N, C-alpha and C. Protein backbone atom coordinates (compact mmCIF):
# COMPACT_ATOMS: atom_id res chain seq x y z
N UNK A 1 -7.42 24.62 4.13
CA UNK A 1 -7.96 23.27 4.51
C UNK A 1 -7.33 22.76 5.88
N UNK A 2 -8.28 22.13 6.51
CA UNK A 2 -7.91 21.61 7.90
C UNK A 2 -7.24 20.32 7.82
N UNK A 3 -6.62 19.96 8.81
CA UNK A 3 -5.91 18.63 8.87
C UNK A 3 -6.93 17.57 8.92
N UNK A 4 -8.13 17.77 9.59
CA UNK A 4 -9.23 16.71 9.50
C UNK A 4 -9.73 16.50 8.10
N UNK A 5 -9.88 17.58 7.38
CA UNK A 5 -10.40 17.45 5.94
C UNK A 5 -9.32 16.74 5.14
N UNK A 6 -8.11 17.04 5.41
CA UNK A 6 -7.05 16.40 4.56
C UNK A 6 -6.97 14.87 4.92
N UNK A 7 -7.13 14.50 6.13
CA UNK A 7 -7.01 13.18 6.56
C UNK A 7 -8.28 12.41 6.03
N UNK A 8 -9.49 13.03 6.04
CA UNK A 8 -10.53 12.51 5.48
C UNK A 8 -10.54 12.28 4.05
N UNK A 9 -9.87 13.17 3.20
CA UNK A 9 -9.63 13.05 1.80
C UNK A 9 -8.63 11.86 1.60
N UNK A 10 -7.71 11.82 2.32
CA UNK A 10 -6.88 10.60 2.18
C UNK A 10 -7.56 9.24 2.49
N UNK A 11 -8.43 9.20 3.60
CA UNK A 11 -9.24 8.04 3.84
C UNK A 11 -10.16 7.75 2.71
N UNK A 12 -10.61 8.72 1.94
CA UNK A 12 -11.65 8.52 0.87
C UNK A 12 -10.97 8.20 -0.55
N UNK A 13 -9.68 8.17 -0.57
CA UNK A 13 -9.00 7.78 -1.87
C UNK A 13 -9.26 6.28 -2.23
N UNK A 14 -9.42 6.06 -3.52
CA UNK A 14 -9.70 4.73 -3.92
C UNK A 14 -8.77 3.71 -3.47
N UNK A 15 -7.41 4.01 -3.40
CA UNK A 15 -6.44 3.05 -2.85
C UNK A 15 -6.74 2.71 -1.38
N UNK A 16 -7.12 3.81 -0.60
CA UNK A 16 -7.36 3.59 0.83
C UNK A 16 -8.55 2.66 0.92
N UNK A 17 -9.65 2.83 0.19
CA UNK A 17 -10.74 1.93 0.26
C UNK A 17 -10.46 0.58 -0.19
N UNK A 18 -9.56 0.44 -1.24
CA UNK A 18 -9.20 -0.91 -1.65
C UNK A 18 -8.43 -1.60 -0.62
N UNK A 19 -7.50 -0.97 0.10
CA UNK A 19 -6.88 -1.73 1.24
C UNK A 19 -7.87 -2.10 2.36
N UNK A 20 -8.77 -1.16 2.64
CA UNK A 20 -9.68 -1.53 3.64
C UNK A 20 -10.60 -2.64 3.21
N UNK A 21 -11.02 -2.63 2.02
CA UNK A 21 -12.06 -3.63 1.58
C UNK A 21 -11.67 -4.99 1.12
N UNK A 22 -10.30 -5.04 0.89
CA UNK A 22 -9.76 -6.32 0.46
C UNK A 22 -9.15 -7.01 1.70
N UNK A 23 -9.72 -8.21 2.02
CA UNK A 23 -9.38 -9.02 3.24
C UNK A 23 -7.95 -9.23 3.37
N UNK A 24 -7.22 -9.46 2.27
CA UNK A 24 -5.95 -9.75 2.31
C UNK A 24 -4.87 -8.55 2.16
N UNK A 25 -5.34 -7.51 1.58
CA UNK A 25 -4.52 -6.33 1.48
C UNK A 25 -3.65 -5.84 2.67
N UNK A 26 -4.48 -5.53 3.68
CA UNK A 26 -3.72 -5.03 4.83
C UNK A 26 -2.79 -6.01 5.55
N UNK A 27 -3.19 -7.24 5.78
CA UNK A 27 -2.24 -8.20 6.31
C UNK A 27 -0.97 -8.34 5.41
N UNK A 28 -1.01 -8.40 4.12
CA UNK A 28 -0.03 -8.50 3.17
C UNK A 28 0.89 -7.27 3.33
N UNK A 29 0.44 -6.10 3.35
CA UNK A 29 1.18 -4.87 3.49
C UNK A 29 1.79 -4.87 4.92
N UNK A 30 1.06 -5.16 5.91
CA UNK A 30 1.58 -5.16 7.23
C UNK A 30 2.76 -6.19 7.36
N UNK A 31 2.71 -7.40 6.74
CA UNK A 31 3.78 -8.34 6.79
C UNK A 31 4.96 -7.78 6.04
N UNK A 32 4.77 -7.10 4.93
CA UNK A 32 5.95 -6.53 4.15
C UNK A 32 6.58 -5.44 5.05
N UNK A 33 5.77 -4.68 5.73
CA UNK A 33 6.34 -3.68 6.61
C UNK A 33 7.16 -4.29 7.80
N UNK A 34 6.68 -5.39 8.39
CA UNK A 34 7.35 -6.15 9.40
C UNK A 34 8.64 -6.53 8.97
N UNK A 35 8.75 -7.21 7.78
CA UNK A 35 9.87 -7.69 7.08
C UNK A 35 10.82 -6.74 6.80
N UNK A 36 10.41 -5.51 6.30
CA UNK A 36 11.32 -4.37 6.01
C UNK A 36 11.88 -3.82 7.30
N UNK A 37 11.15 -3.68 8.26
CA UNK A 37 11.65 -3.07 9.48
C UNK A 37 12.68 -4.18 10.15
N UNK A 38 12.41 -5.34 9.94
CA UNK A 38 13.32 -6.33 10.54
C UNK A 38 14.73 -6.19 9.81
N UNK A 39 14.63 -6.01 8.43
CA UNK A 39 15.93 -5.76 7.70
C UNK A 39 16.58 -4.39 8.16
N UNK A 40 15.68 -3.50 8.29
CA UNK A 40 16.33 -2.18 8.75
C UNK A 40 17.09 -2.26 10.11
N UNK A 41 16.31 -2.93 11.05
CA UNK A 41 16.87 -3.10 12.33
C UNK A 41 18.11 -4.04 12.35
N UNK A 42 18.01 -5.05 11.61
CA UNK A 42 19.08 -6.04 11.47
C UNK A 42 20.37 -5.47 10.99
N UNK A 43 20.26 -4.74 9.94
CA UNK A 43 21.43 -4.12 9.45
C UNK A 43 22.10 -3.00 10.28
N UNK A 44 21.14 -2.18 10.81
CA UNK A 44 21.55 -1.15 11.75
C UNK A 44 22.12 -1.72 13.03
N UNK A 45 21.56 -2.87 13.59
CA UNK A 45 22.13 -3.46 14.71
C UNK A 45 23.47 -3.95 14.60
N UNK A 46 23.86 -4.52 13.32
CA UNK A 46 25.24 -4.95 13.12
C UNK A 46 26.31 -3.76 13.18
N UNK A 47 25.79 -2.70 12.48
CA UNK A 47 26.71 -1.56 12.51
C UNK A 47 26.88 -0.95 13.87
N UNK A 48 25.62 -0.77 14.52
CA UNK A 48 25.62 -0.13 15.90
C UNK A 48 26.39 -0.97 16.98
N UNK A 49 26.33 -2.31 16.87
CA UNK A 49 27.08 -3.05 17.82
C UNK A 49 28.58 -2.79 17.60
N UNK A 50 28.96 -2.63 16.30
CA UNK A 50 30.42 -2.33 16.01
C UNK A 50 30.73 -1.01 16.51
N UNK A 51 29.78 -0.08 16.39
CA UNK A 51 30.07 1.31 16.84
C UNK A 51 30.35 1.32 18.39
N UNK A 52 29.52 0.45 19.12
CA UNK A 52 29.61 0.51 20.65
C UNK A 52 30.75 -0.40 20.97
N UNK A 53 31.36 -1.18 20.11
CA UNK A 53 32.45 -1.96 20.41
C UNK A 53 32.15 -3.36 20.90
N UNK A 54 30.93 -3.79 20.72
CA UNK A 54 30.36 -5.12 21.17
C UNK A 54 30.77 -6.29 20.27
N UNK A 55 30.48 -5.94 18.92
CA UNK A 55 30.51 -7.08 17.98
C UNK A 55 31.27 -6.62 16.83
N UNK A 56 31.65 -7.69 15.87
CA UNK A 56 32.27 -7.44 14.56
C UNK A 56 33.56 -6.62 14.84
N UNK A 57 34.20 -6.89 15.94
CA UNK A 57 35.45 -6.07 16.22
C UNK A 57 36.56 -6.50 15.20
N UNK A 58 36.45 -7.53 14.41
CA UNK A 58 37.47 -7.88 13.44
C UNK A 58 37.24 -7.16 12.18
N UNK A 59 36.15 -6.61 11.90
CA UNK A 59 35.79 -5.78 10.75
C UNK A 59 35.85 -4.38 11.11
N UNK A 60 36.35 -3.55 10.11
CA UNK A 60 36.28 -2.11 10.33
C UNK A 60 34.87 -1.54 10.19
N UNK A 61 34.80 -0.56 10.95
CA UNK A 61 33.38 0.03 11.04
C UNK A 61 32.97 0.56 9.60
N UNK A 62 33.98 1.19 9.03
CA UNK A 62 33.77 1.76 7.61
C UNK A 62 33.24 0.68 6.68
N UNK A 63 33.98 -0.49 6.77
CA UNK A 63 33.55 -1.47 5.78
C UNK A 63 32.12 -1.99 6.01
N UNK A 64 31.77 -2.15 7.34
CA UNK A 64 30.36 -2.60 7.68
C UNK A 64 29.35 -1.53 7.26
N UNK A 65 29.66 -0.24 7.38
CA UNK A 65 28.76 0.73 6.94
C UNK A 65 28.59 0.75 5.40
N UNK A 66 29.68 0.72 4.72
CA UNK A 66 29.70 0.75 3.28
C UNK A 66 28.87 -0.52 2.70
N UNK A 67 29.09 -1.72 3.46
CA UNK A 67 28.41 -2.92 2.81
C UNK A 67 27.10 -3.05 3.24
N UNK A 68 26.59 -2.60 4.36
CA UNK A 68 25.31 -2.68 4.90
C UNK A 68 24.38 -1.51 4.61
N UNK A 69 24.81 -0.31 4.44
CA UNK A 69 24.11 0.87 4.28
C UNK A 69 23.10 0.65 2.97
N UNK A 70 23.53 0.21 1.99
CA UNK A 70 22.51 0.08 0.71
C UNK A 70 21.35 -0.76 1.13
N UNK A 71 21.66 -1.94 1.83
CA UNK A 71 20.50 -2.92 2.22
C UNK A 71 19.62 -2.11 3.27
N UNK A 72 20.15 -1.30 4.06
CA UNK A 72 19.37 -0.50 5.05
C UNK A 72 18.38 0.39 4.47
N UNK A 73 18.93 1.07 3.37
CA UNK A 73 18.19 2.19 2.62
C UNK A 73 17.08 1.50 1.78
N UNK A 74 17.26 0.35 1.16
CA UNK A 74 16.31 -0.34 0.43
C UNK A 74 15.16 -0.87 1.33
N UNK A 75 15.59 -1.45 2.42
CA UNK A 75 14.59 -1.94 3.43
C UNK A 75 13.75 -0.73 4.04
N UNK A 76 14.49 0.27 4.27
CA UNK A 76 13.84 1.54 4.87
C UNK A 76 12.77 2.11 3.87
N UNK A 77 13.19 2.19 2.59
CA UNK A 77 12.22 2.55 1.54
C UNK A 77 10.95 1.70 1.47
N UNK A 78 11.18 0.41 1.57
CA UNK A 78 10.04 -0.66 1.62
C UNK A 78 9.29 -0.33 2.79
N UNK A 79 9.88 -0.09 3.98
CA UNK A 79 9.08 0.14 5.19
C UNK A 79 8.26 1.51 5.08
N UNK A 80 8.84 2.44 4.50
CA UNK A 80 8.11 3.70 4.34
C UNK A 80 6.91 3.43 3.31
N UNK A 81 7.14 2.86 2.32
CA UNK A 81 6.04 2.68 1.26
C UNK A 81 4.83 1.70 2.06
N UNK A 82 5.33 0.74 2.56
CA UNK A 82 4.29 -0.10 3.30
C UNK A 82 3.63 0.72 4.39
N UNK A 83 4.45 1.43 5.11
CA UNK A 83 3.77 2.30 6.18
C UNK A 83 2.88 3.23 5.74
N UNK A 84 3.19 3.90 4.65
CA UNK A 84 2.27 4.83 4.05
C UNK A 84 1.02 4.23 3.55
N UNK A 85 1.04 2.96 2.96
CA UNK A 85 -0.10 2.33 2.54
C UNK A 85 -0.88 1.95 3.74
N UNK A 86 -0.28 1.49 4.85
CA UNK A 86 -1.23 1.25 6.11
C UNK A 86 -1.84 2.56 6.53
N UNK A 87 -1.09 3.63 6.48
CA UNK A 87 -1.60 4.91 7.05
C UNK A 87 -2.80 5.40 6.22
N UNK A 88 -2.71 5.27 4.83
CA UNK A 88 -3.82 5.71 4.10
C UNK A 88 -5.05 4.98 4.26
N UNK A 89 -4.92 3.77 4.73
CA UNK A 89 -6.05 2.92 4.92
C UNK A 89 -6.96 3.40 5.97
N UNK A 90 -6.39 4.09 6.93
CA UNK A 90 -7.20 4.67 8.07
C UNK A 90 -6.52 5.98 8.57
N UNK A 91 -6.29 6.94 7.72
CA UNK A 91 -5.55 8.03 8.00
C UNK A 91 -5.94 8.75 9.41
N UNK A 92 -7.28 9.14 9.46
CA UNK A 92 -7.75 9.81 10.68
C UNK A 92 -7.43 9.00 12.02
N UNK A 93 -7.58 7.76 11.97
CA UNK A 93 -7.22 6.98 13.18
C UNK A 93 -5.70 6.87 13.51
N UNK A 94 -4.90 6.67 12.46
CA UNK A 94 -3.41 6.75 12.65
C UNK A 94 -2.96 8.09 13.20
N UNK A 95 -3.45 9.24 12.53
CA UNK A 95 -3.03 10.48 12.80
C UNK A 95 -3.34 10.93 14.40
N UNK A 96 -4.42 10.32 14.82
CA UNK A 96 -4.95 10.54 16.20
C UNK A 96 -4.22 9.71 17.31
N UNK A 97 -3.58 8.65 16.78
CA UNK A 97 -2.89 7.69 17.73
C UNK A 97 -1.60 8.09 18.26
N UNK A 98 -1.46 8.26 19.60
CA UNK A 98 -0.28 8.73 20.23
C UNK A 98 0.82 7.95 20.02
N UNK A 99 0.73 6.57 19.92
CA UNK A 99 1.82 5.72 19.63
C UNK A 99 2.36 5.91 18.31
N UNK A 100 1.51 6.06 17.31
CA UNK A 100 1.87 6.38 15.91
C UNK A 100 2.64 7.73 15.98
N UNK A 101 2.20 8.77 16.52
CA UNK A 101 2.86 9.99 16.56
C UNK A 101 4.31 9.77 17.25
N UNK A 102 4.32 9.09 18.35
CA UNK A 102 5.61 8.92 18.89
C UNK A 102 6.63 8.15 18.13
N UNK A 103 6.03 7.14 17.38
CA UNK A 103 6.94 6.37 16.48
C UNK A 103 7.52 7.31 15.38
N UNK A 104 6.66 8.14 14.78
CA UNK A 104 7.29 9.02 13.83
C UNK A 104 8.35 9.94 14.41
N UNK A 105 8.06 10.40 15.77
CA UNK A 105 9.09 11.26 16.36
C UNK A 105 10.45 10.40 16.56
N UNK A 106 10.30 9.22 16.98
CA UNK A 106 11.36 8.30 17.19
C UNK A 106 12.23 8.07 15.98
N UNK A 107 11.57 7.85 14.81
CA UNK A 107 12.11 7.65 13.48
C UNK A 107 12.94 8.97 13.10
N UNK A 108 12.31 10.26 13.32
CA UNK A 108 12.99 11.38 13.04
C UNK A 108 14.10 11.57 13.89
N UNK A 109 14.09 11.20 15.29
CA UNK A 109 15.24 11.34 16.04
C UNK A 109 16.34 10.33 15.60
N UNK A 110 16.01 9.27 15.16
CA UNK A 110 17.03 8.27 14.62
C UNK A 110 17.78 8.81 13.50
N UNK A 111 16.98 9.56 12.66
CA UNK A 111 17.53 10.13 11.40
C UNK A 111 18.44 11.23 11.80
N UNK A 112 18.08 12.16 12.90
CA UNK A 112 18.92 13.15 13.30
C UNK A 112 20.24 12.63 13.89
N UNK A 113 20.00 11.57 14.61
CA UNK A 113 21.25 10.88 15.17
C UNK A 113 22.29 10.44 14.09
N UNK A 114 21.65 9.72 12.98
CA UNK A 114 22.47 9.32 11.91
C UNK A 114 23.15 10.50 11.27
N UNK A 115 22.41 11.49 11.15
CA UNK A 115 23.01 12.79 10.30
C UNK A 115 24.15 13.31 11.21
N UNK A 116 24.04 13.38 12.49
CA UNK A 116 24.96 13.89 13.41
C UNK A 116 26.30 12.83 13.30
N UNK A 117 25.95 11.60 13.36
CA UNK A 117 27.09 10.64 13.36
C UNK A 117 27.98 10.81 11.96
N UNK A 118 27.18 10.87 10.87
CA UNK A 118 27.85 10.94 9.61
C UNK A 118 28.50 12.37 9.35
N UNK A 119 28.12 13.37 10.01
CA UNK A 119 28.78 14.65 9.86
C UNK A 119 29.93 14.96 11.00
N UNK A 120 30.08 13.98 11.88
CA UNK A 120 31.09 14.16 12.96
C UNK A 120 31.90 12.99 12.96
N UNK A 121 31.61 11.96 13.75
CA UNK A 121 32.54 10.78 13.94
C UNK A 121 32.92 9.96 12.60
N UNK A 122 31.86 9.93 11.81
CA UNK A 122 32.10 9.29 10.59
C UNK A 122 33.17 9.98 9.63
N UNK A 123 33.05 11.23 9.79
CA UNK A 123 34.18 12.03 8.82
C UNK A 123 35.55 11.79 9.31
N UNK A 124 35.74 11.30 10.56
CA UNK A 124 37.04 10.99 10.96
C UNK A 124 37.35 9.50 11.19
N UNK A 125 36.55 8.75 10.44
CA UNK A 125 36.49 7.27 10.70
C UNK A 125 37.87 6.53 10.36
N UNK A 126 38.63 7.25 9.52
CA UNK A 126 39.97 6.65 9.04
C UNK A 126 40.93 6.68 10.32
N UNK A 127 40.66 7.73 11.23
CA UNK A 127 41.52 7.65 12.43
C UNK A 127 41.19 6.67 13.50
N UNK A 128 39.90 6.13 13.44
CA UNK A 128 39.54 5.20 14.53
C UNK A 128 39.02 3.79 14.04
N UNK A 129 38.91 3.67 12.78
CA UNK A 129 38.21 2.50 12.06
C UNK A 129 38.48 1.22 12.78
N UNK A 130 39.65 1.00 13.04
CA UNK A 130 39.93 -0.34 13.63
C UNK A 130 40.09 -0.33 15.19
N UNK A 131 40.01 0.72 15.81
CA UNK A 131 40.26 0.91 17.21
C UNK A 131 39.05 0.35 18.02
N UNK A 132 39.47 -0.19 19.16
CA UNK A 132 38.46 -0.71 20.13
C UNK A 132 38.88 -0.15 21.44
N UNK A 133 38.05 0.43 22.15
CA UNK A 133 36.62 0.93 21.79
C UNK A 133 36.69 2.00 20.80
N UNK A 134 35.69 2.24 19.94
CA UNK A 134 35.61 3.37 19.05
C UNK A 134 35.51 4.62 19.94
N UNK A 135 35.58 5.74 19.37
CA UNK A 135 35.52 7.03 20.15
C UNK A 135 34.23 7.16 20.71
N UNK A 136 34.10 8.05 21.76
CA UNK A 136 32.90 8.22 22.60
C UNK A 136 31.69 8.65 21.60
N UNK A 137 32.01 9.53 20.68
CA UNK A 137 31.00 10.04 19.84
C UNK A 137 30.30 8.88 18.97
N UNK A 138 31.12 7.98 18.54
CA UNK A 138 30.65 6.81 17.82
C UNK A 138 29.81 5.93 18.80
N UNK A 139 30.35 5.66 19.92
CA UNK A 139 29.61 4.87 20.86
C UNK A 139 28.24 5.43 21.21
N UNK A 140 28.27 6.67 21.59
CA UNK A 140 27.03 7.34 21.91
C UNK A 140 25.99 7.31 20.71
N UNK A 141 26.42 7.46 19.50
CA UNK A 141 25.55 7.33 18.30
C UNK A 141 25.09 6.00 18.29
N UNK A 142 25.80 4.94 18.39
CA UNK A 142 25.47 3.60 18.34
C UNK A 142 24.46 3.22 19.35
N UNK A 143 24.67 3.70 20.58
CA UNK A 143 23.67 3.33 21.66
C UNK A 143 22.41 4.08 21.50
N UNK A 144 22.43 5.31 21.01
CA UNK A 144 21.21 6.16 20.79
C UNK A 144 20.40 5.46 19.56
N UNK A 145 21.12 5.02 18.60
CA UNK A 145 20.52 4.30 17.31
C UNK A 145 19.79 3.14 17.78
N UNK A 146 20.45 2.23 18.57
CA UNK A 146 19.92 1.00 19.04
C UNK A 146 18.71 1.28 19.90
N UNK A 147 18.72 2.34 20.79
CA UNK A 147 17.65 2.64 21.64
C UNK A 147 16.44 3.10 20.80
N UNK A 148 16.71 4.11 19.88
CA UNK A 148 15.64 4.67 19.11
C UNK A 148 14.96 3.68 18.21
N UNK A 149 15.67 2.84 17.62
CA UNK A 149 15.12 1.78 16.71
C UNK A 149 14.28 0.71 17.52
N UNK A 150 14.76 0.49 18.69
CA UNK A 150 13.97 -0.36 19.67
C UNK A 150 12.71 0.21 19.93
N UNK A 151 12.60 1.53 20.24
CA UNK A 151 11.40 2.25 20.64
C UNK A 151 10.55 2.26 19.30
N UNK A 152 11.19 2.46 18.13
CA UNK A 152 10.34 2.40 16.83
C UNK A 152 9.51 1.07 16.82
N UNK A 153 10.22 0.01 17.04
CA UNK A 153 9.70 -1.40 16.88
C UNK A 153 8.61 -1.58 18.05
N UNK A 154 8.86 -1.21 19.19
CA UNK A 154 7.97 -1.39 20.33
C UNK A 154 6.60 -0.48 19.99
N UNK A 155 6.80 0.70 19.66
CA UNK A 155 5.76 1.50 19.40
C UNK A 155 4.92 1.05 18.15
N UNK A 156 5.57 0.48 17.29
CA UNK A 156 4.94 0.02 15.99
C UNK A 156 3.97 -1.20 16.40
N UNK A 157 4.37 -2.09 17.23
CA UNK A 157 3.53 -3.09 17.77
C UNK A 157 2.49 -2.52 18.61
N UNK A 158 2.74 -1.58 19.43
CA UNK A 158 1.75 -0.88 20.39
C UNK A 158 0.63 -0.30 19.53
N UNK A 159 0.91 0.20 18.29
CA UNK A 159 -0.12 0.90 17.61
C UNK A 159 -1.28 -0.08 17.27
N UNK A 160 -0.93 -1.33 16.91
CA UNK A 160 -1.90 -2.38 16.69
C UNK A 160 -2.94 -2.62 17.66
N UNK A 161 -2.50 -2.41 18.99
CA UNK A 161 -3.34 -2.67 20.21
C UNK A 161 -4.00 -1.38 20.62
N UNK A 162 -3.64 -0.17 20.12
CA UNK A 162 -4.27 1.05 20.50
C UNK A 162 -4.98 1.82 19.51
N UNK A 163 -4.97 1.41 18.33
CA UNK A 163 -5.56 2.17 17.11
C UNK A 163 -7.11 2.01 17.35
N UNK A 164 -7.80 3.16 17.24
CA UNK A 164 -9.22 3.15 17.08
C UNK A 164 -9.57 2.91 15.65
N UNK A 165 -10.18 1.71 15.41
CA UNK A 165 -10.61 1.46 14.01
C UNK A 165 -11.74 2.18 13.54
N UNK A 166 -11.65 2.98 12.55
CA UNK A 166 -12.71 3.84 12.06
C UNK A 166 -13.58 3.37 10.83
N UNK A 167 -13.25 2.18 10.35
CA UNK A 167 -13.96 1.55 9.25
C UNK A 167 -14.53 0.39 9.62
């Protein structure tokens, strides 16, 4: 089965048609997506600013991570669900959109950055938790995270202006 066939089958799903045909569905889903991304970025911003040594210097990095990470994951799950619902409404157009593709790459890179941080600098957090500035590995991870999530947001907005509407 080809990618085009799969994308067309997704486009032809009843839920996809429902989103396209209901005048309120897509705006509501998109609003939820924007709110979820705002929460994702907001919680990540607080932690990343601590990692780069700019903010929350009176709180330990480990405490911020433990307190905010659950909110980040819930918001990320909502962003993924709402993003998938927007995607299925017009799968062929989204799949062909360069900005959409780049957004997915940026999200994947942010995930890789987080995995590297948690498998390296975070494992030794007890050694540097209250230090300012944090070690170079933590600062690099924080800066990369800030940059990548900013790119995700910019590309997400850009999609709305470059998407070829197929319905």
